[in-house]
Amino acid sequence: MGVIYRVKCERCGVEFEHQVGVGFVYSCVGCGDIAADELAPFYCPSCNQRYNPRDKDFSHKLTGVTLWD
C-alpha cells in the first residue's frame, strides 16, 4: 500500500508527484528518493524546495492524493 502526493511547487511552479510506501521502505519512481514512511520529507525535483508531510499546512500545498495497494 502506498500514497502518491501531487504537488505544485510554491517556489518554481513545477507540478510533480511523490510516491511513498506505507509500512515499508519504498523508492519513489519519479525522484528515486527512498522513504521508510509516508511522513518523510521530500523535495521538488526542479528547485529542491523541501516539503514535510508533518507540517500543519502541508495539506494546503497538495493538488491531490492517491492511495494505492
Protein backbone atom coordinates (compact mmCIF):
# COMPACT_ATOMS: atom_id res chain seq x y z
CA MET A 1 0.00 0.00 0.00
CA GLY A 2 1.22 3.49 -0.66
CA VAL A 3 0.47 7.16 -1.13
CA ILE A 4 1.04 9.42 -4.12
CA TYR A 5 1.21 13.13 -3.27
CA ARG A 6 0.55 15.52 -6.16
CA VAL A 7 2.13 18.91 -5.50
CA LYS A 8 2.51 22.18 -7.38
CA CYS A 9 5.76 23.68 -6.11
CA GLU A 10 5.17 27.02 -4.44
CA ARG A 11 8.66 28.22 -5.38
CA CYS A 12 9.09 27.28 -9.08
CA GLY A 13 5.56 26.22 -10.13
CA VAL A 14 6.50 22.71 -11.32
CA GLU A 15 3.79 20.11 -10.80
CA PHE A 16 5.13 16.74 -9.65
CA GLU A 17 4.13 13.51 -7.91
CA HIS A 18 5.94 11.91 -4.99
CA GLN A 19 5.25 8.25 -4.16
CA VAL A 20 5.87 6.66 -0.77
CA GLY A 21 5.10 3.29 0.74
CA VAL A 22 3.06 2.84 3.91
CA GLY A 23 4.64 0.47 6.43
CA PHE A 24 7.65 -0.47 4.30
CA VAL A 25 10.62 1.09 2.55
CA TYR A 26 9.67 2.34 -0.92
CA SER A 27 11.61 4.19 -3.60
CA CYS A 28 9.80 6.99 -5.46
CA VAL A 29 9.69 6.28 -9.20
CA GLY A 30 9.88 10.00 -10.05
CA CYS A 31 12.81 11.18 -7.94
CA GLY A 32 14.43 7.96 -6.64
CA ASP A 33 14.12 9.15 -3.03
CA ILE A 34 13.82 6.30 -0.51
CA ALA A 35 11.42 6.80 2.40
CA ALA A 36 10.51 4.40 5.19
CA ASP A 37 7.11 6.01 5.76
CA GLU A 38 4.62 8.42 4.27
CA LEU A 39 5.66 11.23 6.63
CA ALA A 40 9.30 11.53 5.47
CA PRO A 41 10.23 14.91 3.95
CA PHE A 42 10.71 15.13 0.18
CA TYR A 43 11.92 17.72 -2.31
CA CYS A 44 10.79 19.35 -5.55
CA PRO A 45 12.72 17.67 -8.39
CA SER A 46 13.30 21.02 -10.10
CA CYS A 47 14.32 23.51 -7.38
CA ASN A 48 14.79 21.32 -4.26
CA GLN A 49 12.07 23.09 -2.25
CA ARG A 50 11.54 20.92 0.85
CA TYR A 51 8.08 19.52 1.66
CA ASN A 52 7.40 17.95 5.02
CA PRO A 53 4.14 15.98 5.46
CA ARG A 54 4.37 16.60 9.22
CA ASP A 55 3.89 20.38 8.76
CA LYS A 56 0.43 21.55 9.80
CA ASP A 57 -0.12 23.42 6.50
CA PHE A 58 1.11 20.55 4.25
CA SER A 59 -2.40 19.57 3.11
CA HIS A 60 -2.92 23.08 1.67
CA LYS A 61 0.09 22.60 -0.64
CA LEU A 62 -1.30 19.43 -2.26
CA THR A 63 -3.23 19.33 -5.51
CA GLY A 64 -4.17 15.68 -4.98
CA VAL A 65 -3.54 12.48 -3.02
CA THR A 66 -3.94 8.90 -4.24
CA LEU A 67 -3.84 5.76 -2.09
CA TRP A 68 -2.80 2.50 -3.76
CA ASP A 69 -2.39 -1.08 -2.65
